[in-house]
Amino acid sequence: MPSDGVSTALDTNGSHAHIGPMPLNLTKIAFGAKSYADLESWYANRRSPHLTTRYRPTRWQECIGGSLYWIHEHNMVARSTITGFSQGEDGRWTIELEPHLVPVLPKPKRAHQGWRYLTDRMAPRDLEDGEDVGDVIPGRIAGKLQRLGLI
């Protein structure tokens, strides 16, 4: 990733092309997910996962190419790349996502309503292949320890 905050992408001949500032990310509560496996099941065998919302994020254009980070049990636990936004005939908005759920190193995040933006600098890193998060502190405890300056 370039250090100047400018992103690049591979063009059709495989070379890097400048496409502007780094996209913004969004956070979303995984409402209804009782476990991480529930979140994974939302993506299983779906060619074009998406979520529907009444209100489009204000800075939606900056989010295309960024990621939607899922919050479960007060931790950001996974992400999926945002590929676009579209509005249905009923006025509701659809956020199109890549059909791949990427696990991330859990990072405490309080529940919220509405959309919250997240810069790449503040986003948790993707987990490495074979990396296990079994020893991660639960979100509520990690949040309290973080406020105390212990983690």
N, C-alpha and C. Protein backbone atom coordinates (compact mmCIF):
# COMPACT_ATOMS: atom_id res chain seq x y z
N MET A 1 0.85 -1.17 0.00
CA MET A 1 0.00 0.00 0.00
C MET A 1 0.90 1.24 0.00
N PRO A 2 0.68 2.17 -0.89
CA PRO A 2 1.50 3.37 -0.92
C PRO A 2 1.35 4.17 0.36
N SER A 3 2.41 4.80 0.80
CA SER A 3 2.38 5.54 2.05
C SER A 3 1.71 6.90 1.93
N ASP A 4 1.43 7.36 0.72
CA ASP A 4 0.84 8.68 0.54
C ASP A 4 -0.68 8.68 0.58
N GLY A 5 -1.30 7.52 0.92
CA GLY A 5 -2.75 7.45 1.00
C GLY A 5 -3.42 7.33 -0.34
N VAL A 6 -2.66 7.09 -1.40
CA VAL A 6 -3.21 6.94 -2.73
C VAL A 6 -3.22 5.46 -3.07
N SER A 7 -4.33 4.98 -3.57
CA SER A 7 -4.41 3.56 -3.90
C SER A 7 -4.07 3.33 -5.36
N THR A 8 -3.71 2.09 -5.63
CA THR A 8 -3.45 1.69 -7.01
C THR A 8 -4.22 0.42 -7.28
N ALA A 9 -4.39 0.11 -8.53
CA ALA A 9 -5.06 -1.13 -8.92
C ALA A 9 -4.37 -1.65 -10.16
N LEU A 10 -4.53 -2.92 -10.41
CA LEU A 10 -3.97 -3.50 -11.63
C LEU A 10 -4.91 -3.18 -12.78
N ASP A 11 -4.36 -2.64 -13.87
CA ASP A 11 -5.20 -2.42 -15.03
C ASP A 11 -5.20 -3.69 -15.88
N THR A 12 -5.78 -3.63 -17.05
CA THR A 12 -5.97 -4.84 -17.86
C THR A 12 -4.67 -5.50 -18.30
N ASN A 13 -3.58 -4.75 -18.37
CA ASN A 13 -2.31 -5.37 -18.77
C ASN A 13 -1.45 -5.76 -17.57
N GLY A 14 -2.00 -5.67 -16.36
CA GLY A 14 -1.29 -6.14 -15.16
C GLY A 14 -0.41 -5.12 -14.49
N SER A 15 -0.34 -3.89 -15.01
CA SER A 15 0.49 -2.88 -14.35
C SER A 15 -0.38 -2.05 -13.41
N HIS A 16 0.26 -1.39 -12.45
CA HIS A 16 -0.48 -0.59 -11.47
C HIS A 16 -0.92 0.73 -12.08
N ALA A 17 -2.17 1.09 -11.81
CA ALA A 17 -2.73 2.34 -12.30
C ALA A 17 -3.23 3.15 -11.10
N HIS A 18 -3.03 4.43 -11.11
CA HIS A 18 -3.47 5.32 -10.05
C HIS A 18 -4.99 5.46 -10.12
N ILE A 19 -5.67 5.26 -8.99
CA ILE A 19 -7.13 5.42 -8.99
C ILE A 19 -7.62 6.37 -7.90
N GLY A 20 -6.75 7.12 -7.28
CA GLY A 20 -7.20 8.12 -6.32
C GLY A 20 -6.94 7.75 -4.87
N PRO A 21 -7.57 8.50 -3.94
CA PRO A 21 -7.35 8.27 -2.51
C PRO A 21 -7.84 6.90 -2.08
N MET A 22 -7.31 6.43 -0.96
CA MET A 22 -7.73 5.14 -0.41
C MET A 22 -9.23 5.22 -0.07
N PRO A 23 -9.98 4.17 -0.37
CA PRO A 23 -11.40 4.20 -0.07
C PRO A 23 -11.66 4.11 1.43
N LEU A 24 -12.82 4.58 1.83
CA LEU A 24 -13.26 4.46 3.22
C LEU A 24 -13.88 3.09 3.44
N ASN A 25 -13.88 2.66 4.67
CA ASN A 25 -14.52 1.42 5.07
C ASN A 25 -15.74 1.78 5.93
N LEU A 26 -16.65 0.84 6.06
CA LEU A 26 -17.82 1.00 6.91
C LEU A 26 -17.82 -0.09 7.97
N THR A 27 -18.49 0.17 9.08
CA THR A 27 -18.70 -0.87 10.08
C THR A 27 -20.20 -1.13 10.19
N LYS A 28 -20.54 -2.38 10.49
CA LYS A 28 -21.94 -2.79 10.57
C LYS A 28 -22.08 -3.88 11.62
N ILE A 29 -23.09 -3.77 12.46
CA ILE A 29 -23.38 -4.80 13.46
C ILE A 29 -23.90 -6.03 12.71
N ALA A 30 -23.41 -7.19 13.06
CA ALA A 30 -23.90 -8.45 12.48
C ALA A 30 -25.15 -8.85 13.24
N PHE A 31 -26.20 -8.05 13.10
CA PHE A 31 -27.44 -8.24 13.85
C PHE A 31 -28.06 -9.58 13.49
N GLY A 32 -28.37 -10.35 14.51
CA GLY A 32 -28.98 -11.65 14.30
C GLY A 32 -27.99 -12.80 14.29
N ALA A 33 -26.70 -12.51 14.17
CA ALA A 33 -25.69 -13.57 14.19
C ALA A 33 -25.44 -13.97 15.64
N LYS A 34 -25.66 -15.24 15.93
CA LYS A 34 -25.42 -15.73 17.28
C LYS A 34 -23.98 -16.21 17.45
N SER A 35 -23.30 -16.41 16.32
CA SER A 35 -21.91 -16.86 16.35
C SER A 35 -21.23 -16.40 15.07
N TYR A 36 -19.92 -16.55 15.04
CA TYR A 36 -19.18 -16.23 13.81
C TYR A 36 -19.62 -17.17 12.69
N ALA A 37 -19.97 -18.40 13.03
CA ALA A 37 -20.43 -19.36 12.02
C ALA A 37 -21.71 -18.86 11.34
N ASP A 38 -22.58 -18.16 12.09
CA ASP A 38 -23.77 -17.57 11.48
C ASP A 38 -23.38 -16.56 10.41
N LEU A 39 -22.42 -15.72 10.73
CA LEU A 39 -21.94 -14.73 9.77
C LEU A 39 -21.38 -15.43 8.53
N GLU A 40 -20.60 -16.47 8.73
CA GLU A 40 -20.07 -17.23 7.60
C GLU A 40 -21.19 -17.83 6.75
N SER A 41 -22.24 -18.29 7.41
CA SER A 41 -23.35 -18.91 6.67
C SER A 41 -24.06 -17.89 5.78
N TRP A 42 -24.04 -16.62 6.15
CA TRP A 42 -24.64 -15.59 5.30
C TRP A 42 -23.95 -15.51 3.94
N TYR A 43 -22.69 -15.89 3.89
CA TYR A 43 -21.90 -15.82 2.66
C TYR A 43 -21.84 -17.15 1.92
N ALA A 44 -22.14 -18.24 2.60
CA ALA A 44 -22.00 -19.57 2.02
C ALA A 44 -22.89 -19.71 0.78
N ASN A 45 -22.29 -20.15 -0.29
CA ASN A 45 -23.00 -20.43 -1.54
C ASN A 45 -23.78 -19.25 -2.11
N ARG A 46 -23.34 -18.04 -1.82
CA ARG A 46 -23.97 -16.85 -2.41
C ARG A 46 -23.00 -16.22 -3.38
N ARG A 47 -23.43 -16.04 -4.59
CA ARG A 47 -22.54 -15.46 -5.60
C ARG A 47 -22.45 -13.95 -5.49
N SER A 48 -23.47 -13.32 -4.96
CA SER A 48 -23.43 -11.86 -4.82
C SER A 48 -24.09 -11.43 -3.52
N PRO A 49 -23.38 -11.59 -2.40
CA PRO A 49 -23.97 -11.15 -1.14
C PRO A 49 -24.16 -9.64 -1.13
N HIS A 50 -25.16 -9.22 -0.41
CA HIS A 50 -25.44 -7.79 -0.30
C HIS A 50 -26.23 -7.56 0.98
N LEU A 51 -26.34 -6.31 1.34
CA LEU A 51 -27.23 -5.99 2.43
C LEU A 51 -28.07 -4.80 2.00
N THR A 52 -29.28 -4.75 2.54
CA THR A 52 -30.22 -3.71 2.17
C THR A 52 -30.39 -2.77 3.36
N THR A 53 -30.47 -1.49 3.06
CA THR A 53 -30.59 -0.49 4.10
C THR A 53 -31.51 0.63 3.64
N ARG A 54 -32.12 1.28 4.59
CA ARG A 54 -33.00 2.39 4.26
C ARG A 54 -32.20 3.63 3.84
N TYR A 55 -31.10 3.86 4.53
CA TYR A 55 -30.32 5.07 4.26
C TYR A 55 -28.94 4.73 3.73
N ARG A 56 -28.61 5.34 2.61
CA ARG A 56 -27.28 5.18 2.02
C ARG A 56 -26.29 6.03 2.82
N PRO A 57 -25.09 5.49 3.08
CA PRO A 57 -24.08 6.32 3.77
C PRO A 57 -23.83 7.60 2.98
N THR A 58 -23.65 8.71 3.69
CA THR A 58 -23.42 10.00 3.04
C THR A 58 -22.21 9.98 2.11
N ARG A 59 -21.15 9.34 2.54
CA ARG A 59 -19.90 9.31 1.76
C ARG A 59 -19.78 8.00 0.97
N TRP A 60 -20.89 7.52 0.46
CA TRP A 60 -20.97 6.21 -0.20
C TRP A 60 -19.99 6.06 -1.34
N GLN A 61 -19.78 7.11 -2.13
CA GLN A 61 -18.88 7.00 -3.29
C GLN A 61 -17.44 6.70 -2.85
N GLU A 62 -17.04 7.22 -1.68
CA GLU A 62 -15.70 6.97 -1.17
C GLU A 62 -15.55 5.55 -0.63
N CYS A 63 -16.66 4.86 -0.40
CA CYS A 63 -16.63 3.52 0.19
C CYS A 63 -16.48 2.41 -0.85
N ILE A 64 -16.75 2.71 -2.12
CA ILE A 64 -16.62 1.68 -3.15
C ILE A 64 -15.14 1.30 -3.26
N GLY A 65 -14.87 0.02 -3.12
CA GLY A 65 -13.49 -0.48 -3.09
C GLY A 65 -12.96 -0.63 -1.67
N GLY A 66 -13.65 -0.04 -0.70
CA GLY A 66 -13.31 -0.22 0.69
C GLY A 66 -13.96 -1.50 1.19
N SER A 67 -14.02 -1.68 2.49
CA SER A 67 -14.61 -2.90 3.04
C SER A 67 -15.70 -2.58 4.04
N LEU A 68 -16.61 -3.52 4.17
CA LEU A 68 -17.61 -3.48 5.22
C LEU A 68 -17.08 -4.40 6.32
N TYR A 69 -16.82 -3.84 7.50
CA TYR A 69 -16.32 -4.61 8.64
C TYR A 69 -17.49 -4.99 9.52
N TRP A 70 -17.63 -6.29 9.77
CA TRP A 70 -18.72 -6.82 10.57
C TRP A 70 -18.34 -6.82 12.04
N ILE A 71 -19.25 -6.31 12.88
CA ILE A 71 -19.06 -6.29 14.32
C ILE A 71 -19.91 -7.40 14.92
N HIS A 72 -19.27 -8.28 15.69
CA HIS A 72 -19.97 -9.35 16.38
C HIS A 72 -19.43 -9.42 17.80
N GLU A 73 -20.31 -9.43 18.77
CA GLU A 73 -19.95 -9.47 20.19
C GLU A 73 -18.90 -8.40 20.54
N HIS A 74 -19.16 -7.19 20.08
CA HIS A 74 -18.34 -6.01 20.39
C HIS A 74 -16.92 -6.09 19.83
N ASN A 75 -16.74 -6.85 18.76
CA ASN A 75 -15.45 -6.92 18.07
C ASN A 75 -15.68 -6.86 16.57
N MET A 76 -14.81 -6.15 15.85
CA MET A 76 -14.80 -6.28 14.40
C MET A 76 -14.13 -7.62 14.13
N VAL A 77 -14.81 -8.50 13.40
CA VAL A 77 -14.33 -9.87 13.25
C VAL A 77 -14.07 -10.29 11.81
N ALA A 78 -14.66 -9.60 10.85
CA ALA A 78 -14.50 -10.00 9.45
C ALA A 78 -14.83 -8.81 8.56
N ARG A 79 -14.45 -8.94 7.30
CA ARG A 79 -14.74 -7.87 6.36
C ARG A 79 -15.07 -8.46 4.99
N SER A 80 -15.70 -7.65 4.18
CA SER A 80 -15.98 -8.00 2.79
C SER A 80 -15.88 -6.72 1.99
N THR A 81 -15.29 -6.81 0.81
CA THR A 81 -15.08 -5.63 -0.02
C THR A 81 -16.41 -5.12 -0.59
N ILE A 82 -16.59 -3.80 -0.54
CA ILE A 82 -17.78 -3.15 -1.09
C ILE A 82 -17.55 -2.92 -2.57
N THR A 83 -18.44 -3.47 -3.40
CA THR A 83 -18.27 -3.33 -4.85
C THR A 83 -19.20 -2.29 -5.47
N GLY A 84 -20.23 -1.87 -4.74
CA GLY A 84 -21.12 -0.86 -5.29
C GLY A 84 -22.35 -0.63 -4.46
N PHE A 85 -23.13 0.36 -4.87
CA PHE A 85 -24.39 0.73 -4.23
C PHE A 85 -25.44 0.86 -5.32
N SER A 86 -26.67 0.46 -5.02
CA SER A 86 -27.76 0.66 -5.97
C SER A 86 -29.04 0.89 -5.19
N GLN A 87 -29.98 1.60 -5.84
CA GLN A 87 -31.24 1.90 -5.19
C GLN A 87 -32.35 1.11 -5.86
N GLY A 88 -33.18 0.46 -5.05
CA GLY A 88 -34.31 -0.30 -5.57
C GLY A 88 -35.51 0.58 -5.82
N GLU A 89 -36.51 0.01 -6.46
CA GLU A 89 -37.73 0.75 -6.76
C GLU A 89 -38.46 1.19 -5.50
N ASP A 90 -38.25 0.47 -4.39
CA ASP A 90 -38.89 0.82 -3.13
C ASP A 90 -38.15 1.93 -2.38
N GLY A 91 -37.04 2.42 -2.95
CA GLY A 91 -36.28 3.50 -2.33
C GLY A 91 -35.18 3.02 -1.40
N ARG A 92 -35.15 1.73 -1.10
CA ARG A 92 -34.11 1.18 -0.23
C ARG A 92 -32.82 1.02 -1.02
N TRP A 93 -31.69 1.05 -0.31
CA TRP A 93 -30.38 0.95 -0.93
C TRP A 93 -29.80 -0.44 -0.71
N THR A 94 -29.10 -0.92 -1.70
CA THR A 94 -28.40 -2.20 -1.62
C THR A 94 -26.92 -1.93 -1.66
N ILE A 95 -26.19 -2.51 -0.72
CA ILE A 95 -24.73 -2.43 -0.71
C ILE A 95 -24.23 -3.77 -1.23
N GLU A 96 -23.61 -3.74 -2.40
CA GLU A 96 -23.10 -4.96 -3.03
C GLU A 96 -21.74 -5.29 -2.42
N LEU A 97 -21.56 -6.58 -2.10
CA LEU A 97 -20.32 -7.04 -1.46
C LEU A 97 -19.70 -8.17 -2.26
N GLU A 98 -18.36 -8.29 -2.17
CA GLU A 98 -17.71 -9.44 -2.75
C GLU A 98 -18.17 -10.69 -2.00
N PRO A 99 -18.25 -11.83 -2.68
CA PRO A 99 -18.76 -13.04 -2.03
C PRO A 99 -17.74 -13.75 -1.15
N HIS A 100 -16.78 -13.02 -0.65
CA HIS A 100 -15.72 -13.62 0.17
C HIS A 100 -15.65 -12.89 1.50
N LEU A 101 -15.81 -13.63 2.59
CA LEU A 101 -15.70 -13.08 3.94
C LEU A 101 -14.26 -13.27 4.40
N VAL A 102 -13.60 -12.19 4.76
CA VAL A 102 -12.20 -12.22 5.17
C VAL A 102 -12.13 -12.06 6.69
N PRO A 103 -11.67 -13.07 7.43
CA PRO A 103 -11.54 -12.91 8.88
C PRO A 103 -10.43 -11.91 9.20
N VAL A 104 -10.66 -11.09 10.21
CA VAL A 104 -9.66 -10.10 10.64
C VAL A 104 -9.32 -10.35 12.10
N LEU A 105 -8.19 -9.80 12.52
CA LEU A 105 -7.82 -9.87 13.92
C LEU A 105 -8.87 -9.09 14.70
N PRO A 106 -9.62 -9.74 15.59
CA PRO A 106 -10.69 -9.03 16.30
C PRO A 106 -10.17 -7.76 16.98
N LYS A 107 -10.96 -6.71 16.81
CA LYS A 107 -10.62 -5.42 17.40
C LYS A 107 -11.89 -4.89 18.07
N PRO A 108 -11.79 -4.48 19.34
CA PRO A 108 -12.98 -4.00 20.04
C PRO A 108 -13.65 -2.83 19.30
N LYS A 109 -14.98 -2.90 19.25
CA LYS A 109 -15.76 -1.84 18.62
C LYS A 109 -17.14 -1.84 19.26
N ARG A 110 -17.54 -0.72 19.80
CA ARG A 110 -18.84 -0.62 20.45
C ARG A 110 -19.96 -0.69 19.42
N ALA A 111 -21.09 -1.17 19.88
CA ALA A 111 -22.28 -1.20 19.03
C ALA A 111 -22.69 0.23 18.69
N HIS A 112 -23.31 0.40 17.54
CA HIS A 112 -23.74 1.73 17.11
C HIS A 112 -24.93 1.59 16.17
N GLN A 113 -25.63 2.69 15.99
CA GLN A 113 -26.68 2.75 14.99
C GLN A 113 -26.18 3.61 13.84
N GLY A 114 -26.69 3.37 12.67
CA GLY A 114 -26.27 4.14 11.52
C GLY A 114 -24.91 3.68 11.03
N TRP A 115 -24.35 4.43 10.10
CA TRP A 115 -23.07 4.07 9.50
C TRP A 115 -21.93 4.76 10.21
N ARG A 116 -20.84 4.05 10.37
CA ARG A 116 -19.60 4.61 10.91
C ARG A 116 -18.51 4.33 9.90
N TYR A 117 -17.71 5.34 9.64
CA TYR A 117 -16.61 5.21 8.69
C TYR A 117 -15.36 4.76 9.42
N LEU A 118 -14.51 4.07 8.70
CA LEU A 118 -13.29 3.52 9.27
C LEU A 118 -12.19 3.66 8.24
N THR A 119 -11.11 4.35 8.60
CA THR A 119 -9.98 4.48 7.69
C THR A 119 -9.14 3.21 7.73
N ASP A 120 -8.35 2.99 6.70
CA ASP A 120 -7.47 1.82 6.69
C ASP A 120 -6.53 1.81 7.89
N ARG A 121 -6.11 2.98 8.32
CA ARG A 121 -5.19 3.09 9.45
C ARG A 121 -5.81 2.55 10.74
N MET A 122 -7.13 2.68 10.89
CA MET A 122 -7.83 2.25 12.09
C MET A 122 -8.44 0.84 11.97
N ALA A 123 -8.39 0.28 10.78
CA ALA A 123 -9.01 -1.03 10.54
C ALA A 123 -8.11 -2.15 11.05
N PRO A 124 -8.72 -3.23 11.53
CA PRO A 124 -7.92 -4.39 11.95
C PRO A 124 -7.30 -5.08 10.74
N ARG A 125 -6.20 -5.74 10.96
CA ARG A 125 -5.53 -6.44 9.86
C ARG A 125 -6.21 -7.77 9.58
N ASP A 126 -6.06 -8.23 8.35
CA ASP A 126 -6.57 -9.55 7.98
C ASP A 126 -5.78 -10.61 8.72
N LEU A 127 -6.43 -11.72 9.03
CA LEU A 127 -5.71 -12.85 9.64
C LEU A 127 -4.88 -13.55 8.58
N GLU A 128 -3.72 -14.03 8.99
CA GLU A 128 -2.86 -14.81 8.09
C GLU A 128 -3.46 -16.20 7.93
N ASP A 129 -3.12 -16.89 6.84
CA ASP A 129 -3.56 -18.28 6.66
C ASP A 129 -3.09 -19.11 7.85
N GLY A 130 -4.00 -19.86 8.44
CA GLY A 130 -3.67 -20.72 9.57
C GLY A 130 -3.62 -20.03 10.91
N GLU A 131 -3.75 -18.72 10.94
CA GLU A 131 -3.73 -17.98 12.20
C GLU A 131 -5.06 -18.21 12.93
N ASP A 132 -4.98 -18.45 14.22
CA ASP A 132 -6.16 -18.76 15.02
C ASP A 132 -6.42 -17.62 16.00
N VAL A 133 -7.68 -17.30 16.19
CA VAL A 133 -8.04 -16.23 17.12
C VAL A 133 -8.64 -16.78 18.40
N GLY A 134 -8.42 -18.05 18.69
CA GLY A 134 -8.98 -18.69 19.87
C GLY A 134 -8.58 -18.05 21.17
N ASP A 135 -7.44 -17.36 21.21
CA ASP A 135 -6.98 -16.75 22.45
C ASP A 135 -7.37 -15.28 22.57
N VAL A 136 -8.21 -14.78 21.67
CA VAL A 136 -8.58 -13.37 21.70
C VAL A 136 -9.52 -13.11 22.87
N ILE A 137 -9.30 -11.99 23.53
CA ILE A 137 -10.13 -11.58 24.67
C ILE A 137 -11.49 -11.13 24.15
N PRO A 138 -12.60 -11.54 24.79
CA PRO A 138 -13.93 -11.09 24.36
C PRO A 138 -14.01 -9.56 24.33
N GLY A 139 -14.83 -9.04 23.40
CA GLY A 139 -14.92 -7.61 23.14
C GLY A 139 -15.19 -6.73 24.35
N ARG A 140 -16.13 -7.10 25.19
CA ARG A 140 -16.47 -6.26 26.34
C ARG A 140 -15.30 -6.15 27.32
N ILE A 141 -14.63 -7.28 27.55
CA ILE A 141 -13.47 -7.27 28.46
C ILE A 141 -12.33 -6.50 27.83
N ALA A 142 -12.10 -6.73 26.53
CA ALA A 142 -11.01 -6.03 25.84
C ALA A 142 -11.26 -4.52 25.86
N GLY A 143 -12.51 -4.11 25.69
CA GLY A 143 -12.85 -2.68 25.73
C GLY A 143 -12.53 -2.06 27.08
N LYS A 144 -12.86 -2.78 28.16
CA LYS A 144 -12.57 -2.28 29.50
C LYS A 144 -11.07 -2.21 29.75
N LEU A 145 -10.35 -3.23 29.32
CA LEU A 145 -8.89 -3.23 29.48
C LEU A 145 -8.24 -2.11 28.66
N GLN A 146 -8.82 -1.87 27.47
CA GLN A 146 -8.29 -0.80 26.62
C GLN A 146 -8.50 0.56 27.28
N ARG A 147 -9.67 0.78 27.87
CA ARG A 147 -9.94 2.06 28.55
C ARG A 147 -9.01 2.26 29.75
N LEU A 148 -8.60 1.15 30.36
CA LEU A 148 -7.68 1.23 31.48
C LEU A 148 -6.22 1.37 31.03
N GLY A 149 -6.00 1.28 29.73
CA GLY A 149 -4.65 1.40 29.18
C GLY A 149 -3.82 0.14 29.34
N LEU A 150 -4.48 -1.00 29.54
CA LEU A 150 -3.77 -2.25 29.75
C LEU A 150 -3.54 -3.04 28.47
N ILE A 151 -4.26 -2.71 27.43
CA ILE A 151 -4.00 -3.33 26.12
C ILE A 151 -4.08 -2.27 25.05
